[in-house]
Amino acid sequence: DEYNHRRPHTSLGRATPAIAYRRLPKT
């Protein structure tokens, strides 16, 4: 829960994984 929603990720432009997973359509 912490990792997906409240931990910024360097390779994602400091976005969280949850934001990056939902901002584009899924393959």
mmCIF file of all heavy atoms, coordinates in Angstrom:
data_MODEL
# 
_entry.id   MODEL 
# 
loop_
_atom_site.group_PDB 
_atom_site.id 
_atom_site.type_symbol 
_atom_site.label_atom_id 
_atom_site.label_alt_id 
_atom_site.label_comp_id 
_atom_site.label_asym_id 
_atom_site.label_entity_id 
_atom_site.label_seq_id 
_atom_site.pdbx_PDB_ins_code 
_atom_site.Cartn_x 
_atom_site.Cartn_y 
_atom_site.Cartn_z 
_atom_site.occupancy 
_atom_site.B_iso_or_equiv 
_atom_site.pdbx_formal_charge 
_atom_site.auth_seq_id 
_atom_site.auth_comp_id 
_atom_site.auth_asym_id 
_atom_site.auth_atom_id 
_atom_site.pdbx_PDB_model_num 
ATOM 1   N N   . ASP A 1 1  ? 0.831  -1.201 0.000   1.00 0.00 ? 1  ASP A N   1 
ATOM 2   C CA  . ASP A 1 1  ? 0.000  0.000  0.000   1.00 0.00 ? 1  ASP A CA  1 
ATOM 3   C C   . ASP A 1 1  ? 0.870  1.257  0.000   1.00 0.00 ? 1  ASP A C   1 
ATOM 4   O O   . ASP A 1 1  ? 0.597  2.214  -0.739  1.00 0.00 ? 1  ASP A O   1 
ATOM 5   C CB  . ASP A 1 1  ? -0.921 -0.017 1.220   1.00 0.00 ? 1  ASP A CB  1 
ATOM 6   C CG  . ASP A 1 1  ? -1.855 1.179  1.257   1.00 0.00 ? 1  ASP A CG  1 
ATOM 7   O OD1 . ASP A 1 1  ? -2.684 1.316  0.344   1.00 0.00 ? 1  ASP A OD1 1 
ATOM 8   O OD2 . ASP A 1 1  ? -1.734 1.985  2.195   1.00 0.00 ? 1  ASP A OD2 1 
ATOM 9   N N   . GLU A 1 2  ? 1.914  1.252  0.818   1.00 0.00 ? 2  GLU A N   1 
ATOM 10  C CA  . GLU A 1 2  ? 2.841  2.390  0.861   1.00 0.00 ? 2  GLU A CA  1 
ATOM 11  C C   . GLU A 1 2  ? 3.588  2.530  -0.467  1.00 0.00 ? 2  GLU A C   1 
ATOM 12  O O   . GLU A 1 2  ? 3.711  3.631  -1.017  1.00 0.00 ? 2  GLU A O   1 
ATOM 13  C CB  . GLU A 1 2  ? 3.847  2.186  2.003   1.00 0.00 ? 2  GLU A CB  1 
ATOM 14  C CG  . GLU A 1 2  ? 4.912  3.257  2.117   1.00 0.00 ? 2  GLU A CG  1 
ATOM 15  C CD  . GLU A 1 2  ? 4.413  4.530  2.763   1.00 0.00 ? 2  GLU A CD  1 
ATOM 16  O OE1 . GLU A 1 2  ? 3.413  4.472  3.509   1.00 0.00 ? 2  GLU A OE1 1 
ATOM 17  O OE2 . GLU A 1 2  ? 5.026  5.586  2.527   1.00 0.00 ? 2  GLU A OE2 1 
ATOM 18  N N   . TYR A 1 3  ? 4.075  1.417  -0.983  1.00 0.00 ? 3  TYR A N   1 
ATOM 19  C CA  . TYR A 1 3  ? 4.879  1.413  -2.218  1.00 0.00 ? 3  TYR A CA  1 
ATOM 20  C C   . TYR A 1 3  ? 4.051  1.888  -3.416  1.00 0.00 ? 3  TYR A C   1 
ATOM 21  O O   . TYR A 1 3  ? 4.511  2.699  -4.217  1.00 0.00 ? 3  TYR A O   1 
ATOM 22  C CB  . TYR A 1 3  ? 5.404  -0.004 -2.460  1.00 0.00 ? 3  TYR A CB  1 
ATOM 23  C CG  . TYR A 1 3  ? 6.139  -0.182 -3.762  1.00 0.00 ? 3  TYR A CG  1 
ATOM 24  C CD1 . TYR A 1 3  ? 7.512  0.041  -3.840  1.00 0.00 ? 3  TYR A CD1 1 
ATOM 25  C CD2 . TYR A 1 3  ? 5.459  -0.577 -4.909  1.00 0.00 ? 3  TYR A CD2 1 
ATOM 26  C CE1 . TYR A 1 3  ? 8.201  -0.126 -5.036  1.00 0.00 ? 3  TYR A CE1 1 
ATOM 27  C CE2 . TYR A 1 3  ? 6.139  -0.745 -6.110  1.00 0.00 ? 3  TYR A CE2 1 
ATOM 28  C CZ  . TYR A 1 3  ? 7.500  -0.518 -6.171  1.00 0.00 ? 3  TYR A CZ  1 
ATOM 29  O OH  . TYR A 1 3  ? 8.172  -0.676 -7.369  1.00 0.00 ? 3  TYR A OH  1 
ATOM 30  N N   . ASN A 1 4  ? 2.843  1.394  -3.550  1.00 0.00 ? 4  ASN A N   1 
ATOM 31  C CA  . ASN A 1 4  ? 2.021  1.716  -4.721  1.00 0.00 ? 4  ASN A CA  1 
ATOM 32  C C   . ASN A 1 4  ? 1.455  3.130  -4.695  1.00 0.00 ? 4  ASN A C   1 
ATOM 33  O O   . ASN A 1 4  ? 1.348  3.779  -5.741  1.00 0.00 ? 4  ASN A O   1 
ATOM 34  C CB  . ASN A 1 4  ? 0.858  0.731  -4.853  1.00 0.00 ? 4  ASN A CB  1 
ATOM 35  C CG  . ASN A 1 4  ? 1.276  -0.582 -5.482  1.00 0.00 ? 4  ASN A CG  1 
ATOM 36  O OD1 . ASN A 1 4  ? 2.301  -0.670 -6.153  1.00 0.00 ? 4  ASN A OD1 1 
ATOM 37  N ND2 . ASN A 1 4  ? 0.489  -1.617 -5.257  1.00 0.00 ? 4  ASN A ND2 1 
ATOM 38  N N   . HIS A 1 5  ? 1.097  3.624  -3.495  1.00 0.00 ? 5  HIS A N   1 
ATOM 39  C CA  . HIS A 1 5  ? 0.301  4.853  -3.427  1.00 0.00 ? 5  HIS A CA  1 
ATOM 40  C C   . HIS A 1 5  ? 1.006  6.049  -2.795  1.00 0.00 ? 5  HIS A C   1 
ATOM 41  O O   . HIS A 1 5  ? 0.585  7.183  -3.024  1.00 0.00 ? 5  HIS A O   1 
ATOM 42  C CB  . HIS A 1 5  ? -0.985 4.578  -2.643  1.00 0.00 ? 5  HIS A CB  1 
ATOM 43  C CG  . HIS A 1 5  ? -1.833 3.509  -3.252  1.00 0.00 ? 5  HIS A CG  1 
ATOM 44  N ND1 . HIS A 1 5  ? -2.610 3.720  -4.358  1.00 0.00 ? 5  HIS A ND1 1 
ATOM 45  C CD2 . HIS A 1 5  ? -2.005 2.195  -2.911  1.00 0.00 ? 5  HIS A CD2 1 
ATOM 46  C CE1 . HIS A 1 5  ? -3.251 2.600  -4.693  1.00 0.00 ? 5  HIS A CE1 1 
ATOM 47  N NE2 . HIS A 1 5  ? -2.892 1.661  -3.827  1.00 0.00 ? 5  HIS A NE2 1 
ATOM 48  N N   . ARG A 1 6  ? 2.079  5.842  -2.039  1.00 0.00 ? 6  ARG A N   1 
ATOM 49  C CA  . ARG A 1 6  ? 2.697  6.972  -1.345  1.00 0.00 ? 6  ARG A CA  1 
ATOM 50  C C   . ARG A 1 6  ? 4.199  7.026  -1.473  1.00 0.00 ? 6  ARG A C   1 
ATOM 51  O O   . ARG A 1 6  ? 4.845  7.836  -0.811  1.00 0.00 ? 6  ARG A O   1 
ATOM 52  C CB  . ARG A 1 6  ? 2.307  6.936  0.154   1.00 0.00 ? 6  ARG A CB  1 
ATOM 53  C CG  . ARG A 1 6  ? 0.851  7.290  0.408   1.00 0.00 ? 6  ARG A CG  1 
ATOM 54  C CD  . ARG A 1 6  ? 0.495  7.212  1.879   1.00 0.00 ? 6  ARG A CD  1 
ATOM 55  N NE  . ARG A 1 6  ? 0.570  5.851  2.385   1.00 0.00 ? 6  ARG A NE  1 
ATOM 56  C CZ  . ARG A 1 6  ? -0.382 4.949  2.214   1.00 0.00 ? 6  ARG A CZ  1 
ATOM 57  N NH1 . ARG A 1 6  ? -1.479 5.248  1.532   1.00 0.00 ? 6  ARG A NH1 1 
ATOM 58  N NH2 . ARG A 1 6  ? -0.253 3.722  2.698   1.00 0.00 ? 6  ARG A NH2 1 
ATOM 59  N N   . ARG A 1 7  ? 4.767  6.211  -2.316  1.00 0.00 ? 7  ARG A N   1 
ATOM 60  C CA  . ARG A 1 7  ? 6.225  6.210  -2.485  1.00 0.00 ? 7  ARG A CA  1 
ATOM 61  C C   . ARG A 1 7  ? 6.578  6.686  -3.895  1.00 0.00 ? 7  ARG A C   1 
ATOM 62  O O   . ARG A 1 7  ? 6.313  5.998  -4.865  1.00 0.00 ? 7  ARG A O   1 
ATOM 63  C CB  . ARG A 1 7  ? 6.768  4.792  -2.268  1.00 0.00 ? 7  ARG A CB  1 
ATOM 64  C CG  . ARG A 1 7  ? 8.277  4.665  -2.466  1.00 0.00 ? 7  ARG A CG  1 
ATOM 65  C CD  . ARG A 1 7  ? 8.679  3.202  -2.329  1.00 0.00 ? 7  ARG A CD  1 
ATOM 66  N NE  . ARG A 1 7  ? 10.092 2.999  -2.557  1.00 0.00 ? 7  ARG A NE  1 
ATOM 67  C CZ  . ARG A 1 7  ? 10.638 2.798  -3.749  1.00 0.00 ? 7  ARG A CZ  1 
ATOM 68  N NH1 . ARG A 1 7  ? 9.871  2.803  -4.830  1.00 0.00 ? 7  ARG A NH1 1 
ATOM 69  N NH2 . ARG A 1 7  ? 11.937 2.608  -3.877  1.00 0.00 ? 7  ARG A NH2 1 
ATOM 70  N N   . PRO A 1 8  ? 7.177  7.876  -4.033  1.00 0.00 ? 8  PRO A N   1 
ATOM 71  C CA  . PRO A 1 8  ? 7.524  8.371  -5.372  1.00 0.00 ? 8  PRO A CA  1 
ATOM 72  C C   . PRO A 1 8  ? 8.640  7.527  -5.987  1.00 0.00 ? 8  PRO A C   1 
ATOM 73  O O   . PRO A 1 8  ? 9.512  7.028  -5.274  1.00 0.00 ? 8  PRO A O   1 
ATOM 74  C CB  . PRO A 1 8  ? 7.995  9.805  -5.106  1.00 0.00 ? 8  PRO A CB  1 
ATOM 75  C CG  . PRO A 1 8  ? 8.517  9.763  -3.701  1.00 0.00 ? 8  PRO A CG  1 
ATOM 76  C CD  . PRO A 1 8  ? 7.627  8.793  -2.962  1.00 0.00 ? 8  PRO A CD  1 
ATOM 77  N N   . HIS A 1 9  ? 8.602  7.354  -7.291  1.00 0.00 ? 9  HIS A N   1 
ATOM 78  C CA  . HIS A 1 9  ? 9.567  6.502  -7.979  1.00 0.00 ? 9  HIS A CA  1 
ATOM 79  C C   . HIS A 1 9  ? 10.392 7.351  -8.948  1.00 0.00 ? 9  HIS A C   1 
ATOM 80  O O   . HIS A 1 9  ? 9.839  8.061  -9.789  1.00 0.00 ? 9  HIS A O   1 
ATOM 81  C CB  . HIS A 1 9  ? 8.842  5.392  -8.744  1.00 0.00 ? 9  HIS A CB  1 
ATOM 82  C CG  . HIS A 1 9  ? 9.682  4.175  -8.963  1.00 0.00 ? 9  HIS A CG  1 
ATOM 83  N ND1 . HIS A 1 9  ? 10.784 4.176  -9.791  1.00 0.00 ? 9  HIS A ND1 1 
ATOM 84  C CD2 . HIS A 1 9  ? 9.599  2.916  -8.458  1.00 0.00 ? 9  HIS A CD2 1 
ATOM 85  C CE1 . HIS A 1 9  ? 11.333 2.968  -9.800  1.00 0.00 ? 9  HIS A CE1 1 
ATOM 86  N NE2 . HIS A 1 9  ? 10.637 2.193  -9.000  1.00 0.00 ? 9  HIS A NE2 1 
ATOM 87  N N   . THR A 1 10 ? 11.722 7.267  -8.833  1.00 0.00 ? 10 THR A N   1 
ATOM 88  C CA  . THR A 1 10 ? 12.603 8.094  -9.650  1.00 0.00 ? 10 THR A CA  1 
ATOM 89  C C   . THR A 1 10 ? 12.372 7.877  -11.139 1.00 0.00 ? 10 THR A C   1 
ATOM 90  O O   . THR A 1 10 ? 12.288 8.821  -11.920 1.00 0.00 ? 10 THR A O   1 
ATOM 91  C CB  . THR A 1 10 ? 14.073 7.800  -9.303  1.00 0.00 ? 10 THR A CB  1 
ATOM 92  O OG1 . THR A 1 10 ? 14.303 8.049  -7.918  1.00 0.00 ? 10 THR A OG1 1 
ATOM 93  C CG2 . THR A 1 10 ? 15.008 8.680  -10.127 1.00 0.00 ? 10 THR A CG2 1 
ATOM 94  N N   . SER A 1 11 ? 12.270 6.626  -11.557 1.00 0.00 ? 11 SER A N   1 
ATOM 95  C CA  . SER A 1 11 ? 12.134 6.320  -12.978 1.00 0.00 ? 11 SER A CA  1 
ATOM 96  C C   . SER A 1 11 ? 10.764 6.692  -13.528 1.00 0.00 ? 11 SER A C   1 
ATOM 97  O O   . SER A 1 11 ? 10.550 6.648  -14.739 1.00 0.00 ? 11 SER A O   1 
ATOM 98  C CB  . SER A 1 11 ? 12.394 4.828  -13.219 1.00 0.00 ? 11 SER A CB  1 
ATOM 99  O OG  . SER A 1 11 ? 11.437 4.035  -12.557 1.00 0.00 ? 11 SER A OG  1 
ATOM 100 N N   . LEU A 1 12 ? 9.836  7.076  -12.660 1.00 0.00 ? 12 LEU A N   1 
ATOM 101 C CA  . LEU A 1 12 ? 8.495  7.473  -13.091 1.00 0.00 ? 12 LEU A CA  1 
ATOM 102 C C   . LEU A 1 12 ? 8.294  8.981  -12.988 1.00 0.00 ? 12 LEU A C   1 
ATOM 103 O O   . LEU A 1 12 ? 7.170  9.462  -12.964 1.00 0.00 ? 12 LEU A O   1 
ATOM 104 C CB  . LEU A 1 12 ? 7.436  6.753  -12.236 1.00 0.00 ? 12 LEU A CB  1 
ATOM 105 C CG  . LEU A 1 12 ? 7.465  5.232  -12.252 1.00 0.00 ? 12 LEU A CG  1 
ATOM 106 C CD1 . LEU A 1 12 ? 6.432  4.665  -11.282 1.00 0.00 ? 12 LEU A CD1 1 
ATOM 107 C CD2 . LEU A 1 12 ? 7.219  4.691  -13.661 1.00 0.00 ? 12 LEU A CD2 1 
ATOM 108 N N   . GLY A 1 13 ? 9.405  9.726  -12.920 1.00 0.00 ? 13 GLY A N   1 
ATOM 109 C CA  . GLY A 1 13 ? 9.285  11.178 -12.783 1.00 0.00 ? 13 GLY A CA  1 
ATOM 110 C C   . GLY A 1 13 ? 8.719  11.586 -11.447 1.00 0.00 ? 13 GLY A C   1 
ATOM 111 O O   . GLY A 1 13 ? 8.002  12.575 -11.343 1.00 0.00 ? 13 GLY A O   1 
ATOM 112 N N   . ARG A 1 14 ? 9.030  10.816 -10.393 1.00 0.00 ? 14 ARG A N   1 
ATOM 113 C CA  . ARG A 1 14 ? 8.569  11.039 -9.024  1.00 0.00 ? 14 ARG A CA  1 
ATOM 114 C C   . ARG A 1 14 ? 7.072  10.800 -8.863  1.00 0.00 ? 14 ARG A C   1 
ATOM 115 O O   . ARG A 1 14 ? 6.485  11.198 -7.852  1.00 0.00 ? 14 ARG A O   1 
ATOM 116 C CB  . ARG A 1 14 ? 8.911  12.451 -8.517  1.00 0.00 ? 14 ARG A CB  1 
ATOM 117 C CG  . ARG A 1 14 ? 10.348 12.856 -8.715  1.00 0.00 ? 14 ARG A CG  1 
ATOM 118 C CD  . ARG A 1 14 ? 11.336 11.839 -8.227  1.00 0.00 ? 14 ARG A CD  1 
ATOM 119 N NE  . ARG A 1 14 ? 11.233 11.576 -6.795  1.00 0.00 ? 14 ARG A NE  1 
ATOM 120 C CZ  . ARG A 1 14 ? 11.926 10.632 -6.150  1.00 0.00 ? 14 ARG A CZ  1 
ATOM 121 N NH1 . ARG A 1 14 ? 12.744 9.836  -6.816  1.00 0.00 ? 14 ARG A NH1 1 
ATOM 122 N NH2 . ARG A 1 14 ? 11.795 10.469 -4.868  1.00 0.00 ? 14 ARG A NH2 1 
ATOM 123 N N   . ALA A 1 15 ? 6.449  10.146 -9.836  1.00 0.00 ? 15 ALA A N   1 
ATOM 124 C CA  . ALA A 1 15 ? 5.056  9.719  -9.656  1.00 0.00 ? 15 ALA A CA  1 
ATOM 125 C C   . ALA A 1 15 ? 5.043  8.415  -8.867  1.00 0.00 ? 15 ALA A C   1 
ATOM 126 O O   . ALA A 1 15 ? 6.061  7.725  -8.751  1.00 0.00 ? 15 ALA A O   1 
ATOM 127 C CB  . ALA A 1 15 ? 4.375  9.523  -11.014 1.00 0.00 ? 15 ALA A CB  1 
ATOM 128 N N   . THR A 1 16 ? 3.892  8.058  -8.321  1.00 0.00 ? 16 THR A N   1 
ATOM 129 C CA  . THR A 1 16 ? 3.762  6.774  -7.643  1.00 0.00 ? 16 THR A CA  1 
ATOM 130 C C   . THR A 1 16 ? 3.394  5.703  -8.663  1.00 0.00 ? 16 THR A C   1 
ATOM 131 O O   . THR A 1 16 ? 2.828  6.008  -9.729  1.00 0.00 ? 16 THR A O   1 
ATOM 132 C CB  . THR A 1 16 ? 2.677  6.836  -6.556  1.00 0.00 ? 16 THR A CB  1 
ATOM 133 O OG1 . THR A 1 16 ? 1.413  7.125  -7.181  1.00 0.00 ? 16 THR A OG1 1 
ATOM 134 C CG2 . THR A 1 16 ? 2.996  7.906  -5.523  1.00 0.00 ? 16 THR A CG2 1 
ATOM 135 N N   . PRO A 1 17 ? 3.699  4.427  -8.396  1.00 0.00 ? 17 PRO A N   1 
ATOM 136 C CA  . PRO A 1 17 ? 3.314  3.361  -9.323  1.00 0.00 ? 17 PRO A CA  1 
ATOM 137 C C   . PRO A 1 17 ? 1.825  3.325  -9.624  1.00 0.00 ? 17 PRO A C   1 
ATOM 138 O O   . PRO A 1 17 ? 1.421  3.041  -10.757 1.00 0.00 ? 17 PRO A O   1 
ATOM 139 C CB  . PRO A 1 17 ? 3.778  2.098  -8.593  1.00 0.00 ? 17 PRO A CB  1 
ATOM 140 C CG  . PRO A 1 17 ? 4.946  2.539  -7.782  1.00 0.00 ? 17 PRO A CG  1 
ATOM 141 C CD  . PRO A 1 17 ? 4.569  3.924  -7.317  1.00 0.00 ? 17 PRO A CD  1 
ATOM 142 N N   . ALA A 1 18 ? 0.971  3.621  -8.628  1.00 0.00 ? 18 ALA A N   1 
ATOM 143 C CA  . ALA A 1 18 ? -0.473 3.593  -8.850  1.00 0.00 ? 18 ALA A CA  1 
ATOM 144 C C   . ALA A 1 18 ? -0.894 4.623  -9.889  1.00 0.00 ? 18 ALA A C   1 
ATOM 145 O O   . ALA A 1 18 ? -1.727 4.346  -10.756 1.00 0.00 ? 18 ALA A O   1 
ATOM 146 C CB  . ALA A 1 18 ? -1.216 3.833  -7.529  1.00 0.00 ? 18 ALA A CB  1 
ATOM 147 N N   . ILE A 1 19 ? -0.308 5.813  -9.826  1.00 0.00 ? 19 ILE A N   1 
ATOM 148 C CA  . ILE A 1 19 ? -0.626 6.851  -10.810 1.00 0.00 ? 19 ILE A CA  1 
ATOM 149 C C   . ILE A 1 19 ? -0.149 6.427  -12.194 1.00 0.00 ? 19 ILE A C   1 
ATOM 150 O O   . ILE A 1 19 ? -0.873 6.556  -13.187 1.00 0.00 ? 19 ILE A O   1 
ATOM 151 C CB  . ILE A 1 19 ? 0.016  8.191  -10.388 1.00 0.00 ? 19 ILE A CB  1 
ATOM 152 C CG1 . ILE A 1 19 ? -0.684 8.734  -9.137  1.00 0.00 ? 19 ILE A CG1 1 
ATOM 153 C CG2 . ILE A 1 19 ? -0.055 9.198  -11.524 1.00 0.00 ? 19 ILE A CG2 1 
ATOM 154 C CD1 . ILE A 1 19 ? -0.049 9.993  -8.586  1.00 0.00 ? 19 ILE A CD1 1 
ATOM 155 N N   . ALA A 1 20 ? 1.075  5.910  -12.268 1.00 0.00 ? 20 ALA A N   1 
ATOM 156 C CA  . ALA A 1 20 ? 1.631  5.497  -13.560 1.00 0.00 ? 20 ALA A CA  1 
ATOM 157 C C   . ALA A 1 20 ? 0.858  4.341  -14.166 1.00 0.00 ? 20 ALA A C   1 
ATOM 158 O O   . ALA A 1 20 ? 0.725  4.244  -15.388 1.00 0.00 ? 20 ALA A O   1 
ATOM 159 C CB  . ALA A 1 20 ? 3.103  5.115  -13.387 1.00 0.00 ? 20 ALA A CB  1 
ATOM 160 N N   . TYR A 1 21 ? 0.316  3.460  -13.322 1.00 0.00 ? 21 TYR A N   1 
ATOM 161 C CA  . TYR A 1 21 ? -0.414 2.293  -13.829 1.00 0.00 ? 21 TYR A CA  1 
ATOM 162 C C   . TYR A 1 21 ? -1.773 2.681  -14.404 1.00 0.00 ? 21 TYR A C   1 
ATOM 163 O O   . TYR A 1 21 ? -2.290 1.996  -15.297 1.00 0.00 ? 21 TYR A O   1 
ATOM 164 C CB  . TYR A 1 21 ? -0.592 1.279  -12.695 1.00 0.00 ? 21 TYR A CB  1 
ATOM 165 C CG  . TYR A 1 21 ? -1.185 -0.049 -13.123 1.00 0.00 ? 21 TYR A CG  1 
ATOM 166 C CD1 . TYR A 1 21 ? -0.534 -0.862 -14.046 1.00 0.00 ? 21 TYR A CD1 1 
ATOM 167 C CD2 . TYR A 1 21 ? -2.399 -0.489 -12.605 1.00 0.00 ? 21 TYR A CD2 1 
ATOM 168 C CE1 . TYR A 1 21 ? -1.072 -2.082 -14.440 1.00 0.00 ? 21 TYR A CE1 1 
ATOM 169 C CE2 . TYR A 1 21 ? -2.948 -1.708 -12.983 1.00 0.00 ? 21 TYR A CE2 1 
ATOM 170 C CZ  . TYR A 1 21 ? -2.268 -2.500 -13.904 1.00 0.00 ? 21 TYR A CZ  1 
ATOM 171 O OH  . TYR A 1 21 ? -2.818 -3.706 -14.302 1.00 0.00 ? 21 TYR A OH  1 
ATOM 172 N N   . ARG A 1 22 ? -2.333 3.786  -13.941 1.00 0.00 ? 22 ARG A N   1 
ATOM 173 C CA  . ARG A 1 22 ? -3.698 4.139  -14.337 1.00 0.00 ? 22 ARG A CA  1 
ATOM 174 C C   . ARG A 1 22 ? -3.793 5.305  -15.319 1.00 0.00 ? 22 ARG A C   1 
ATOM 175 O O   . ARG A 1 22 ? -4.882 5.614  -15.803 1.00 0.00 ? 22 ARG A O   1 
ATOM 176 C CB  . ARG A 1 22 ? -4.519 4.464  -13.087 1.00 0.00 ? 22 ARG A CB  1 
ATOM 177 C CG  . ARG A 1 22 ? -4.699 3.264  -12.156 1.00 0.00 ? 22 ARG A CG  1 
ATOM 178 C CD  . ARG A 1 22 ? -5.662 3.569  -11.017 1.00 0.00 ? 22 ARG A CD  1 
ATOM 179 N NE  . ARG A 1 22 ? -5.920 2.382  -10.216 1.00 0.00 ? 22 ARG A NE  1 
ATOM 180 C CZ  . ARG A 1 22 ? -5.255 2.062  -9.117  1.00 0.00 ? 22 ARG A CZ  1 
ATOM 181 N NH1 . ARG A 1 22 ? -4.290 2.854  -8.689  1.00 0.00 ? 22 ARG A NH1 1 
ATOM 182 N NH2 . ARG A 1 22 ? -5.537 0.966  -8.438  1.00 0.00 ? 22 ARG A NH2 1 
ATOM 183 N N   . ARG A 1 23 ? -2.671 5.960  -15.621 1.00 0.00 ? 23 ARG A N   1 
ATOM 184 C CA  . ARG A 1 23 ? -2.778 7.162  -16.455 1.00 0.00 ? 23 ARG A CA  1 
ATOM 185 C C   . ARG A 1 23 ? -2.772 6.871  -17.958 1.00 0.00 ? 23 ARG A C   1 
ATOM 186 O O   . ARG A 1 23 ? -3.033 7.776  -18.753 1.00 0.00 ? 23 ARG A O   1 
ATOM 187 C CB  . ARG A 1 23 ? -1.653 8.141  -16.111 1.00 0.00 ? 23 ARG A CB  1 
ATOM 188 C CG  . ARG A 1 23 ? -0.243 7.666  -16.411 1.00 0.00 ? 23 ARG A CG  1 
ATOM 189 C CD  . ARG A 1 23 ? 0.772  8.657  -15.878 1.00 0.00 ? 23 ARG A CD  1 
ATOM 190 N NE  . ARG A 1 23 ? 2.129  8.134  -15.937 1.00 0.00 ? 23 ARG A NE  1 
ATOM 191 C CZ  . ARG A 1 23 ? 3.173  8.728  -15.364 1.00 0.00 ? 23 ARG A CZ  1 
ATOM 192 N NH1 . ARG A 1 23 ? 2.996  9.861  -14.701 1.00 0.00 ? 23 ARG A NH1 1 
ATOM 193 N NH2 . ARG A 1 23 ? 4.380  8.198  -15.443 1.00 0.00 ? 23 ARG A NH2 1 
ATOM 194 N N   . LEU A 1 24 ? -2.475 5.629  -18.356 1.00 0.00 ? 24 LEU A N   1 
ATOM 195 C CA  . LEU A 1 24 ? -2.489 5.260  -19.766 1.00 0.00 ? 24 LEU A CA  1 
ATOM 196 C C   . LEU A 1 24 ? -3.360 4.019  -19.953 1.00 0.00 ? 24 LEU A C   1 
ATOM 197 O O   . LEU A 1 24 ? -3.533 3.230  -19.022 1.00 0.00 ? 24 LEU A O   1 
ATOM 198 C CB  . LEU A 1 24 ? -1.062 4.976  -20.263 1.00 0.00 ? 24 LEU A CB  1 
ATOM 199 C CG  . LEU A 1 24 ? -0.102 6.174  -20.338 1.00 0.00 ? 24 LEU A CG  1 
ATOM 200 C CD1 . LEU A 1 24 ? 1.300  5.706  -20.700 1.00 0.00 ? 24 LEU A CD1 1 
ATOM 201 C CD2 . LEU A 1 24 ? -0.603 7.219  -21.324 1.00 0.00 ? 24 LEU A CD2 1 
ATOM 202 N N   . PRO A 1 25 ? -3.903 3.812  -21.158 1.00 0.00 ? 25 PRO A N   1 
ATOM 203 C CA  . PRO A 1 25 ? -4.707 2.602  -21.399 1.00 0.00 ? 25 PRO A CA  1 
ATOM 204 C C   . PRO A 1 25 ? -3.856 1.341  -21.276 1.00 0.00 ? 25 PRO A C   1 
ATOM 205 O O   . PRO A 1 25 ? -2.676 1.331  -21.626 1.00 0.00 ? 25 PRO A O   1 
ATOM 206 C CB  . PRO A 1 25 ? -5.223 2.795  -22.830 1.00 0.00 ? 25 PRO A CB  1 
ATOM 207 C CG  . PRO A 1 25 ? -4.286 3.779  -23.449 1.00 0.00 ? 25 PRO A CG  1 
ATOM 208 C CD  . PRO A 1 25 ? -3.840 4.681  -22.344 1.00 0.00 ? 25 PRO A CD  1 
ATOM 209 N N   . LYS A 1 26 ? -4.485 0.277  -20.798 1.00 0.00 ? 26 LYS A N   1 
ATOM 210 C CA  . LYS A 1 26 ? -3.768 -0.981 -20.594 1.00 0.00 ? 26 LYS A CA  1 
ATOM 211 C C   . LYS A 1 26 ? -3.726 -1.805 -21.885 1.00 0.00 ? 26 LYS A C   1 
ATOM 212 O O   . LYS A 1 26 ? -4.670 -1.808 -22.669 1.00 0.00 ? 26 LYS A O   1 
ATOM 213 C CB  . LYS A 1 26 ? -4.447 -1.806 -19.500 1.00 0.00 ? 26 LYS A CB  1 
ATOM 214 C CG  . LYS A 1 26 ? -4.401 -1.158 -18.121 1.00 0.00 ? 26 LYS A CG  1 
ATOM 215 C CD  . LYS A 1 26 ? -5.132 -2.018 -17.096 1.00 0.00 ? 26 LYS A CD  1 
ATOM 216 C CE  . LYS A 1 26 ? -5.097 -1.380 -15.713 1.00 0.00 ? 26 LYS A CE  1 
ATOM 217 N NZ  . LYS A 1 26 ? -5.830 -2.187 -14.718 1.00 0.00 ? 26 LYS A NZ  1 
ATOM 218 N N   . THR A 1 27 ? -2.609 -2.511 -22.061 1.00 0.00 ? 27 THR A N   1 
ATOM 219 C CA  . THR A 1 27 ? -2.471 -3.433 -23.178 1.00 0.00 ? 27 THR A CA  1 
ATOM 220 C C   . THR A 1 27 ? -3.194 -4.737 -22.838 1.00 0.00 ? 27 THR A C   1 
ATOM 221 O O   . THR A 1 27 ? -3.363 -5.085 -21.668 1.00 0.00 ? 27 THR A O   1 
ATOM 222 C CB  . THR A 1 27 ? -0.982 -3.725 -23.450 1.00 0.00 ? 27 THR A CB  1 
ATOM 223 O OG1 . THR A 1 27 ? -0.275 -2.488 -23.506 1.00 0.00 ? 27 THR A OG1 1 
ATOM 224 C CG2 . THR A 1 27 ? -0.799 -4.457 -24.757 1.00 0.00 ? 27 THR A CG2 1 
# 
